[in-house]
Amino acid sequence: MPWISIGALLAVAFKVSDNNAASNSMMTTSAQMAPTSQPIENVKLVVKSDEEHARMGPEGTWHDAFLPADFSVKAGAVVKVTVYNYDEGEHSFTAPGLGANVAIAAGSKSKPAVTTFTIHAPAKAGLYEWLCAIPCDPWAMNQNGYMRGNVRVV
């Protein structure tokens, strides 16, 4: 008799777990859908490697970079960001103040990997920092305008 109770309890626990997983999945999907009353902005970013002459540093050496590294969006806007990665290494767009931490798949010079994600610009204007959190070009990772930059919310 106790085995039936434990079995029933496990079945209920697994069912609740499945429902929570489905709920979380649906929440992620619905969070990315934009209500029609909010402005939608499109941002295109390109990632290039030092070998592709992405951006020259002050010391005269080429470095990995997101181009552009800085961009502006309107307060409260839903922002669709499309990243074209021509680098053979993975990167990320990590912006804690915007609630974004997105892995950018590796691509190639001839065929970029395309990653699209949505961020919701805060209602409050300000400067929100983003960075690449996946180790790549050590110098560029610490420099604004290369593997880090700013989203200006206006």
C-alpha atoms as a PDB file:
ATOM      1  CA  MET A   1       0.000   0.000   0.000  1.00  0.00           C
ATOM      2  CA  PRO A   2       2.771   2.568   0.788  1.00  0.00           C
ATOM      3  CA  TRP A   3       4.305   1.905  -2.648  1.00  0.00           C
ATOM      4  CA  ILE A   4       1.145   3.040  -4.384  1.00  0.00           C
ATOM      5  CA  SER A   5       1.206   6.311  -2.453  1.00  0.00           C
ATOM      6  CA  ILE A   6       4.864   6.945  -3.285  1.00  0.00           C
ATOM      7  CA  GLY A   7       4.255   6.050  -6.942  1.00  0.00           C
ATOM      8  CA  ALA A   8       1.289   8.387  -7.115  1.00  0.00           C
ATOM      9  CA  LEU A   9       3.312  11.135  -5.459  1.00  0.00           C
ATOM     10  CA  LEU A  10       6.132  10.699  -7.984  1.00  0.00           C
ATOM     11  CA  ALA A  11       3.678  10.777 -10.885  1.00  0.00           C
ATOM     12  CA  VAL A  12       2.201  14.035  -9.598  1.00  0.00           C
ATOM     13  CA  ALA A  13       5.683  15.501  -9.048  1.00  0.00           C
ATOM     14  CA  PHE A  14       6.749  14.657 -12.605  1.00  0.00           C
ATOM     15  CA  LYS A  15       3.525  16.098 -14.002  1.00  0.00           C
ATOM     16  CA  VAL A  16       4.033  19.351 -12.059  1.00  0.00           C
ATOM     17  CA  SER A  17       7.630  19.450 -13.274  1.00  0.00           C
ATOM     18  CA  ASP A  18       6.476  18.989 -16.891  1.00  0.00           C
ATOM     19  CA  ASN A  19       3.881  21.737 -16.512  1.00  0.00           C
ATOM     20  CA  ASN A  20       6.468  24.111 -15.047  1.00  0.00           C
ATOM     21  CA  ALA A  21       8.846  23.399 -17.936  1.00  0.00           C
ATOM     22  CA  ALA A  22       6.082  24.094 -20.439  1.00  0.00           C
ATOM     23  CA  SER A  23       5.126  27.231 -18.539  1.00  0.00           C
ATOM     24  CA  ASN A  24       8.693  28.514 -18.512  1.00  0.00           C
ATOM     25  CA  SER A  25       9.042  27.797 -22.214  1.00  0.00           C
ATOM     26  CA  MET A  26       5.825  29.639 -22.963  1.00  0.00           C
ATOM     27  CA  MET A  27       6.883  32.545 -20.762  1.00  0.00           C
ATOM     28  CA  THR A  28      10.140  32.884 -22.681  1.00  0.00           C
ATOM     29  CA  THR A  29       8.288  32.838 -25.978  1.00  0.00           C
ATOM     30  CA  SER A  30       5.620  35.277 -24.864  1.00  0.00           C
ATOM     31  CA  ALA A  31       8.227  37.616 -23.391  1.00  0.00           C
ATOM     32  CA  GLN A  32       9.722  37.956 -26.849  1.00  0.00           C
ATOM     33  CA  MET A  33       6.427  38.807 -28.523  1.00  0.00           C
ATOM     34  CA  ALA A  34       5.851  42.524 -28.857  1.00  0.00           C
ATOM     35  CA  PRO A  35       2.544  44.188 -28.083  1.00  0.00           C
ATOM     36  CA  THR A  36       1.433  46.299 -31.032  1.00  0.00           C
ATOM     37  CA  SER A  37       1.344  49.469 -28.916  1.00  0.00           C
ATOM     38  CA  GLN A  38       5.117  49.447 -28.306  1.00  0.00           C
ATOM     39  CA  PRO A  39       7.508  50.749 -30.948  1.00  0.00           C
ATOM     40  CA  ILE A  40       9.673  48.036 -32.519  1.00  0.00           C
ATOM     41  CA  GLU A  41      13.224  48.904 -33.479  1.00  0.00           C
ATOM     42  CA  ASN A  42      15.659  46.830 -35.517  1.00  0.00           C
ATOM     43  CA  VAL A  43      19.380  46.827 -34.751  1.00  0.00           C
ATOM     44  CA  LYS A  44      21.969  45.101 -36.940  1.00  0.00           C
ATOM     45  CA  LEU A  45      25.355  44.202 -35.444  1.00  0.00           C
ATOM     46  CA  VAL A  46      28.298  42.596 -37.243  1.00  0.00           C
ATOM     47  CA  VAL A  47      31.072  40.676 -35.471  1.00  0.00           C
ATOM     48  CA  LYS A  48      34.410  40.452 -37.254  1.00  0.00           C
ATOM     49  CA  SER A  49      37.731  39.028 -36.151  1.00  0.00           C
ATOM     50  CA  ASP A  50      41.137  40.641 -36.084  1.00  0.00           C
ATOM     51  CA  GLU A  51      42.025  38.589 -39.187  1.00  0.00           C
ATOM     52  CA  GLU A  52      39.149  40.294 -40.986  1.00  0.00           C
ATOM     53  CA  HIS A  53      40.436  43.702 -39.902  1.00  0.00           C
ATOM     54  CA  ALA A  54      37.445  44.397 -37.708  1.00  0.00           C
ATOM     55  CA  ARG A  55      38.886  47.410 -35.906  1.00  0.00           C
ATOM     56  CA  MET A  56      42.405  48.701 -35.425  1.00  0.00           C
ATOM     57  CA  GLY A  57      43.579  49.448 -31.903  1.00  0.00           C
ATOM     58  CA  PRO A  58      45.679  52.448 -30.900  1.00  0.00           C
ATOM     59  CA  GLU A  59      48.819  50.288 -30.990  1.00  0.00           C
ATOM     60  CA  GLY A  60      48.279  49.591 -34.725  1.00  0.00           C
ATOM     61  CA  THR A  61      47.049  45.984 -34.341  1.00  0.00           C
ATOM     62  CA  TRP A  62      43.712  44.666 -35.619  1.00  0.00           C
ATOM     63  CA  HIS A  63      41.231  43.333 -33.031  1.00  0.00           C
ATOM     64  CA  ASP A  64      37.899  41.493 -32.826  1.00  0.00           C
ATOM     65  CA  ALA A  65      34.936  43.857 -32.677  1.00  0.00           C
ATOM     66  CA  PHE A  66      31.174  44.257 -32.742  1.00  0.00           C
ATOM     67  CA  LEU A  67      30.299  46.861 -35.369  1.00  0.00           C
ATOM     68  CA  PRO A  68      28.806  49.151 -34.227  1.00  0.00           C
ATOM     69  CA  ALA A  69      29.674  48.703 -30.564  1.00  0.00           C
ATOM     70  CA  ASP A  70      27.452  51.589 -29.462  1.00  0.00           C
ATOM     71  CA  PHE A  71      23.884  52.229 -30.570  1.00  0.00           C
ATOM     72  CA  SER A  72      20.760  54.076 -29.422  1.00  0.00           C
ATOM     73  CA  VAL A  73      17.166  52.926 -28.946  1.00  0.00           C
ATOM     74  CA  LYS A  74      14.009  54.634 -27.727  1.00  0.00           C
ATOM     75  CA  ALA A  75      12.897  54.203 -24.126  1.00  0.00           C
ATOM     76  CA  GLY A  76      10.267  51.479 -23.810  1.00  0.00           C
ATOM     77  CA  ALA A  77      10.926  50.088 -27.285  1.00  0.00           C
ATOM     78  CA  VAL A  78      11.009  46.424 -28.171  1.00  0.00           C
ATOM     79  CA  VAL A  79      14.348  45.980 -29.913  1.00  0.00           C
ATOM     80  CA  LYS A  80      14.977  43.154 -32.375  1.00  0.00           C
ATOM     81  CA  VAL A  81      18.753  42.650 -32.520  1.00  0.00           C
ATOM     82  CA  THR A  82      20.238  40.659 -35.407  1.00  0.00           C
ATOM     83  CA  VAL A  83      23.909  39.731 -35.114  1.00  0.00           C
ATOM     84  CA  TYR A  84      25.946  38.527 -38.112  1.00  0.00           C
ATOM     85  CA  ASN A  85      29.056  36.766 -36.796  1.00  0.00           C
ATOM     86  CA  TYR A  86      31.826  36.404 -39.393  1.00  0.00           C
ATOM     87  CA  ASP A  87      34.291  35.266 -36.724  1.00  0.00           C
ATOM     88  CA  GLU A  88      35.065  31.570 -36.266  1.00  0.00           C
ATOM     89  CA  GLY A  89      34.722  32.018 -32.505  1.00  0.00           C
ATOM     90  CA  GLU A  90      31.595  32.250 -30.392  1.00  0.00           C
ATOM     91  CA  HIS A  91      30.736  35.506 -28.655  1.00  0.00           C
ATOM     92  CA  SER A  92      27.987  36.814 -26.413  1.00  0.00           C
ATOM     93  CA  PHE A  93      25.905  39.937 -26.017  1.00  0.00           C
ATOM     94  CA  THR A  94      25.691  40.284 -22.255  1.00  0.00           C
ATOM     95  CA  ALA A  95      23.921  43.351 -20.869  1.00  0.00           C
ATOM     96  CA  PRO A  96      22.800  42.854 -17.254  1.00  0.00           C
ATOM     97  CA  GLY A  97      21.001  46.209 -17.176  1.00  0.00           C
ATOM     98  CA  LEU A  98      18.918  45.141 -20.176  1.00  0.00           C
ATOM     99  CA  GLY A  99      18.356  41.567 -19.011  1.00  0.00           C
ATOM    100  CA  ALA A 100      20.277  40.144 -21.977  1.00  0.00           C
ATOM    101  CA  ASN A 101      22.786  37.300 -22.009  1.00  0.00           C
ATOM    102  CA  VAL A 102      22.734  35.805 -25.493  1.00  0.00           C
ATOM    103  CA  ALA A 103      25.234  33.382 -27.015  1.00  0.00           C
ATOM    104  CA  ILE A 104      26.299  34.349 -30.540  1.00  0.00           C
ATOM    105  CA  ALA A 105      27.129  31.266 -32.620  1.00  0.00           C
ATOM    106  CA  ALA A 106      30.435  31.033 -34.495  1.00  0.00           C
ATOM    107  CA  GLY A 107      30.391  31.721 -38.227  1.00  0.00           C
ATOM    108  CA  SER A 108      32.942  32.107 -40.989  1.00  0.00           C
ATOM    109  CA  LYS A 109      34.221  34.738 -43.406  1.00  0.00           C
ATOM    110  CA  SER A 110      32.099  33.290 -46.200  1.00  0.00           C
ATOM    111  CA  LYS A 111      29.006  32.390 -44.159  1.00  0.00           C
ATOM    112  CA  PRO A 112      28.149  34.339 -41.027  1.00  0.00           C
ATOM    113  CA  ALA A 113      26.144  32.775 -38.234  1.00  0.00           C
ATOM    114  CA  VAL A 114      22.994  34.819 -37.719  1.00  0.00           C
ATOM    115  CA  THR A 115      21.583  35.199 -34.210  1.00  0.00           C
ATOM    116  CA  THR A 116      18.419  37.188 -33.537  1.00  0.00           C
ATOM    117  CA  PHE A 117      17.072  38.115 -30.127  1.00  0.00           C
ATOM    118  CA  THR A 118      14.757  40.662 -28.544  1.00  0.00           C
ATOM    119  CA  ILE A 119      15.450  43.081 -25.735  1.00  0.00           C
ATOM    120  CA  HIS A 120      12.998  45.421 -24.070  1.00  0.00           C
ATOM    121  CA  ALA A 121      14.483  48.870 -23.628  1.00  0.00           C
ATOM    122  CA  PRO A 122      13.877  50.278 -20.162  1.00  0.00           C
ATOM    123  CA  ALA A 123      11.411  53.126 -19.769  1.00  0.00           C
ATOM    124  CA  LYS A 124      14.185  55.110 -18.093  1.00  0.00           C
ATOM    125  CA  ALA A 125      16.678  56.838 -20.389  1.00  0.00           C
ATOM    126  CA  GLY A 126      20.322  56.116 -19.711  1.00  0.00           C
ATOM    127  CA  LEU A 127      23.487  54.367 -20.788  1.00  0.00           C
ATOM    128  CA  TYR A 128      23.471  50.568 -20.483  1.00  0.00           C
ATOM    129  CA  GLU A 129      26.735  48.681 -20.866  1.00  0.00           C
ATOM    130  CA  TRP A 130      27.046  45.410 -22.758  1.00  0.00           C
ATOM    131  CA  LEU A 131      30.049  43.105 -23.182  1.00  0.00           C
ATOM    132  CA  CYS A 132      31.179  39.848 -24.734  1.00  0.00           C
ATOM    133  CA  ALA A 133      31.529  37.397 -21.839  1.00  0.00           C
ATOM    134  CA  ILE A 134      33.067  34.578 -23.912  1.00  0.00           C
ATOM    135  CA  PRO A 135      36.876  34.819 -23.911  1.00  0.00           C
ATOM    136  CA  CYS A 136      38.204  35.858 -27.310  1.00  0.00           C
ATOM    137  CA  ASP A 137      40.611  38.734 -28.031  1.00  0.00           C
ATOM    138  CA  PRO A 138      42.007  39.556 -24.540  1.00  0.00           C
ATOM    139  CA  TRP A 139      42.748  43.191 -25.362  1.00  0.00           C
ATOM    140  CA  ALA A 140      39.443  43.840 -27.151  1.00  0.00           C
ATOM    141  CA  MET A 141      37.372  42.343 -24.332  1.00  0.00           C
ATOM    142  CA  ASN A 142      38.460  45.178 -22.057  1.00  0.00           C
ATOM    143  CA  GLN A 143      37.954  48.010 -24.539  1.00  0.00           C
ATOM    144  CA  ASN A 144      34.800  49.959 -25.316  1.00  0.00           C
ATOM    145  CA  GLY A 145      34.173  49.968 -29.045  1.00  0.00           C
ATOM    146  CA  TYR A 146      35.498  46.443 -29.557  1.00  0.00           C
ATOM    147  CA  MET A 147      34.065  43.563 -27.480  1.00  0.00           C
ATOM    148  CA  ARG A 148      32.096  45.885 -25.241  1.00  0.00           C
ATOM    149  CA  GLY A 149      30.007  48.970 -25.759  1.00  0.00           C
ATOM    150  CA  ASN A 150      26.931  50.902 -24.743  1.00  0.00           C
ATOM    151  CA  VAL A 151      23.251  50.971 -25.554  1.00  0.00           C
ATOM    152  CA  ARG A 152      21.965  54.508 -25.144  1.00  0.00           C
ATOM    153  CA  VAL A 153      18.277  54.562 -24.238  1.00  0.00           C
ATOM    154  CA  VAL A 154      16.753  57.920 -25.221  1.00  0.00           C
END
